[in-house]
Amino acid sequence: MICRFDLETGVEIPSHSHPQSQAGYIVSGRICITVGGKSQDLGPGDSYSAPPGVLHSARTLEKAVVVDTFSPPRDDYLV
């Protein structure tokens, strides 16, 4: 499953985990992502991953476009 997120500055995605593997790519803007207790600031062209069951969170440092992939697909995102 591939999802595009358009995020305003200051959006906070609370710490959570899920059974899916997640990988993301920063198209534009800047975010701070924390995976397994380690934080890093990311910008255009950077990517990240969160293994299944690992706590992760994010905060936008400036307006951002992020593309996330989930495997297997997340049922809660299906329409």
N, C-alpha and C. Protein backbone atom coordinates (compact mmCIF):
# COMPACT_ATOMS: atom_id res chain seq x y z
N MET A 1 0.85 -1.16 0.00
CA MET A 1 0.00 0.00 0.00
C MET A 1 0.90 1.23 0.00
N ILE A 2 0.61 2.18 -0.88
CA ILE A 2 1.35 3.44 -0.96
C ILE A 2 0.39 4.58 -0.66
N CYS A 3 0.79 5.47 0.26
CA CYS A 3 -0.05 6.60 0.68
C CYS A 3 0.75 7.89 0.61
N ARG A 4 0.10 8.95 0.13
CA ARG A 4 0.71 10.28 0.12
C ARG A 4 0.06 11.10 1.24
N PHE A 5 0.90 11.77 2.01
CA PHE A 5 0.41 12.63 3.09
C PHE A 5 0.92 14.05 2.85
N ASP A 6 0.01 15.01 2.84
CA ASP A 6 0.33 16.43 2.76
C ASP A 6 0.15 17.00 4.16
N LEU A 7 1.24 17.39 4.79
CA LEU A 7 1.22 17.75 6.21
C LEU A 7 1.60 19.21 6.42
N GLU A 8 0.83 19.91 7.23
CA GLU A 8 1.13 21.29 7.57
C GLU A 8 2.23 21.34 8.63
N THR A 9 2.87 22.47 8.78
CA THR A 9 3.88 22.67 9.82
C THR A 9 3.27 22.41 11.20
N GLY A 10 4.01 21.70 12.04
CA GLY A 10 3.59 21.47 13.42
C GLY A 10 2.69 20.27 13.64
N VAL A 11 2.38 19.52 12.59
CA VAL A 11 1.55 18.32 12.77
C VAL A 11 2.35 17.30 13.58
N GLU A 12 1.70 16.70 14.57
CA GLU A 12 2.35 15.68 15.38
C GLU A 12 1.61 14.36 15.22
N ILE A 13 2.33 13.34 14.85
CA ILE A 13 1.79 11.99 14.76
C ILE A 13 2.27 11.27 16.02
N PRO A 14 1.35 10.95 16.92
CA PRO A 14 1.75 10.36 18.21
C PRO A 14 2.45 9.02 18.05
N SER A 15 3.19 8.67 19.07
CA SER A 15 3.90 7.39 19.08
C SER A 15 2.89 6.24 18.96
N HIS A 16 3.19 5.32 18.05
CA HIS A 16 2.31 4.18 17.81
C HIS A 16 3.11 3.07 17.15
N SER A 17 2.50 1.92 17.06
CA SER A 17 3.10 0.80 16.32
C SER A 17 1.97 0.07 15.62
N HIS A 18 2.33 -0.75 14.65
CA HIS A 18 1.35 -1.56 13.93
C HIS A 18 2.06 -2.78 13.38
N PRO A 19 1.30 -3.79 12.97
CA PRO A 19 1.92 -5.03 12.51
C PRO A 19 2.53 -4.93 11.11
N GLN A 20 2.30 -3.83 10.41
CA GLN A 20 2.85 -3.65 9.06
C GLN A 20 4.27 -3.08 9.11
N SER A 21 5.05 -3.45 8.14
CA SER A 21 6.33 -2.81 7.90
C SER A 21 6.04 -1.49 7.18
N GLN A 22 6.73 -0.42 7.57
CA GLN A 22 6.50 0.90 6.97
C GLN A 22 7.81 1.49 6.48
N ALA A 23 7.78 2.05 5.29
CA ALA A 23 8.92 2.79 4.75
C ALA A 23 8.39 4.08 4.16
N GLY A 24 9.11 5.18 4.38
CA GLY A 24 8.64 6.47 3.90
C GLY A 24 9.71 7.25 3.17
N TYR A 25 9.25 8.19 2.34
CA TYR A 25 10.13 9.04 1.53
C TYR A 25 9.65 10.48 1.66
N ILE A 26 10.55 11.39 1.95
CA ILE A 26 10.21 12.81 2.08
C ILE A 26 10.32 13.45 0.70
N VAL A 27 9.19 13.88 0.15
CA VAL A 27 9.16 14.52 -1.17
C VAL A 27 9.57 15.99 -1.03
N SER A 28 9.00 16.66 -0.02
CA SER A 28 9.32 18.07 0.21
C SER A 28 9.10 18.39 1.68
N GLY A 29 9.69 19.48 2.13
CA GLY A 29 9.55 19.90 3.52
C GLY A 29 10.53 19.20 4.43
N ARG A 30 10.26 19.32 5.75
CA ARG A 30 11.13 18.70 6.74
C ARG A 30 10.28 18.10 7.85
N ILE A 31 10.70 16.91 8.31
CA ILE A 31 10.05 16.27 9.44
C ILE A 31 11.11 15.76 10.41
N CYS A 32 10.69 15.58 11.65
CA CYS A 32 11.51 14.88 12.64
C CYS A 32 10.79 13.58 12.90
N ILE A 33 11.47 12.47 12.69
CA ILE A 33 10.85 11.16 12.91
C ILE A 33 11.63 10.43 14.00
N THR A 34 10.89 9.74 14.83
CA THR A 34 11.48 8.93 15.89
C THR A 34 11.04 7.49 15.69
N VAL A 35 12.01 6.60 15.58
CA VAL A 35 11.75 5.17 15.40
C VAL A 35 12.56 4.42 16.44
N GLY A 36 11.88 3.65 17.28
CA GLY A 36 12.58 2.88 18.29
C GLY A 36 13.41 3.74 19.23
N GLY A 37 12.94 4.95 19.52
CA GLY A 37 13.63 5.84 20.45
C GLY A 37 14.73 6.70 19.84
N LYS A 38 15.03 6.52 18.56
CA LYS A 38 16.06 7.33 17.89
C LYS A 38 15.39 8.33 16.97
N SER A 39 15.73 9.62 17.14
CA SER A 39 15.13 10.69 16.34
C SER A 39 16.11 11.21 15.30
N GLN A 40 15.55 11.65 14.17
CA GLN A 40 16.37 12.31 13.16
C GLN A 40 15.50 13.26 12.35
N ASP A 41 16.12 14.38 11.96
CA ASP A 41 15.46 15.34 11.09
C ASP A 41 15.70 14.92 9.65
N LEU A 42 14.65 14.92 8.85
CA LEU A 42 14.72 14.49 7.46
C LEU A 42 14.19 15.56 6.53
N GLY A 43 14.74 15.62 5.32
CA GLY A 43 14.30 16.57 4.31
C GLY A 43 14.12 15.89 2.98
N PRO A 44 13.90 16.68 1.93
CA PRO A 44 13.63 16.13 0.60
C PRO A 44 14.69 15.10 0.16
N GLY A 45 14.20 13.95 -0.29
CA GLY A 45 15.09 12.89 -0.76
C GLY A 45 15.47 11.89 0.31
N ASP A 46 15.20 12.20 1.58
CA ASP A 46 15.51 11.27 2.67
C ASP A 46 14.40 10.23 2.81
N SER A 47 14.76 9.11 3.41
CA SER A 47 13.77 8.06 3.65
C SER A 47 13.99 7.46 5.03
N TYR A 48 13.02 6.68 5.47
CA TYR A 48 13.07 6.05 6.78
C TYR A 48 12.28 4.75 6.74
N SER A 49 12.46 3.94 7.77
CA SER A 49 11.66 2.72 7.88
C SER A 49 11.34 2.46 9.34
N ALA A 50 10.20 1.81 9.55
CA ALA A 50 9.77 1.39 10.88
C ALA A 50 9.34 -0.07 10.78
N PRO A 51 10.09 -0.96 11.42
CA PRO A 51 9.74 -2.37 11.37
C PRO A 51 8.41 -2.64 12.09
N PRO A 52 7.78 -3.76 11.79
CA PRO A 52 6.52 -4.12 12.45
C PRO A 52 6.69 -4.13 13.97
N GLY A 53 5.71 -3.55 14.67
CA GLY A 53 5.70 -3.60 16.12
C GLY A 53 6.61 -2.61 16.83
N VAL A 54 7.36 -1.80 16.10
CA VAL A 54 8.28 -0.83 16.71
C VAL A 54 7.59 0.52 16.85
N LEU A 55 7.67 1.11 18.05
CA LEU A 55 7.07 2.43 18.27
C LEU A 55 7.75 3.48 17.40
N HIS A 56 6.92 4.35 16.80
CA HIS A 56 7.46 5.44 15.99
C HIS A 56 6.49 6.62 16.04
N SER A 57 7.02 7.82 15.79
CA SER A 57 6.22 9.04 15.81
C SER A 57 6.88 10.04 14.86
N ALA A 58 6.17 11.13 14.58
CA ALA A 58 6.73 12.14 13.67
C ALA A 58 6.16 13.51 14.02
N ARG A 59 6.91 14.55 13.64
CA ARG A 59 6.48 15.94 13.80
C ARG A 59 6.99 16.71 12.59
N THR A 60 6.12 17.48 11.96
CA THR A 60 6.56 18.26 10.81
C THR A 60 7.23 19.53 11.29
N LEU A 61 8.42 19.77 10.77
CA LEU A 61 9.19 20.98 11.09
C LEU A 61 8.81 22.11 10.15
N GLU A 62 8.37 21.73 8.96
CA GLU A 62 7.80 22.66 7.99
C GLU A 62 6.86 21.87 7.10
N LYS A 63 5.98 22.56 6.41
CA LYS A 63 5.00 21.90 5.53
C LYS A 63 5.71 20.82 4.71
N ALA A 64 5.12 19.63 4.65
CA ALA A 64 5.82 18.50 4.02
C ALA A 64 4.87 17.62 3.21
N VAL A 65 5.43 16.96 2.22
CA VAL A 65 4.77 15.90 1.48
C VAL A 65 5.59 14.63 1.73
N VAL A 66 4.91 13.61 2.24
CA VAL A 66 5.57 12.35 2.59
C VAL A 66 4.82 11.22 1.90
N VAL A 67 5.56 10.28 1.33
CA VAL A 67 4.96 9.08 0.73
C VAL A 67 5.37 7.90 1.60
N ASP A 68 4.37 7.21 2.14
CA ASP A 68 4.60 6.04 2.98
C ASP A 68 4.14 4.78 2.27
N THR A 69 4.85 3.70 2.52
CA THR A 69 4.42 2.39 2.02
C THR A 69 4.22 1.47 3.23
N PHE A 70 3.24 0.61 3.14
CA PHE A 70 2.93 -0.34 4.20
C PHE A 70 2.78 -1.73 3.59
N SER A 71 3.38 -2.72 4.28
CA SER A 71 3.25 -4.09 3.82
C SER A 71 3.07 -4.99 5.04
N PRO A 72 1.99 -5.75 5.08
CA PRO A 72 0.85 -5.75 4.17
C PRO A 72 0.05 -4.45 4.33
N PRO A 73 -0.93 -4.21 3.45
CA PRO A 73 -1.73 -2.99 3.55
C PRO A 73 -2.41 -2.84 4.92
N ARG A 74 -2.62 -1.59 5.32
CA ARG A 74 -3.30 -1.29 6.58
C ARG A 74 -4.82 -1.29 6.34
N ASP A 75 -5.52 -2.17 7.03
CA ASP A 75 -6.98 -2.24 6.91
C ASP A 75 -7.63 -0.93 7.31
N ASP A 76 -7.07 -0.22 8.32
CA ASP A 76 -7.68 1.02 8.78
C ASP A 76 -7.55 2.17 7.79
N TYR A 77 -6.73 2.00 6.75
CA TYR A 77 -6.58 3.03 5.72
C TYR A 77 -7.42 2.72 4.47
N LEU A 78 -7.99 1.52 4.40
CA LEU A 78 -8.79 1.15 3.23
C LEU A 78 -10.14 1.86 3.28
N VAL A 79 -10.60 2.31 2.14
CA VAL A 79 -11.90 3.02 2.07
C VAL A 79 -13.00 2.03 1.75
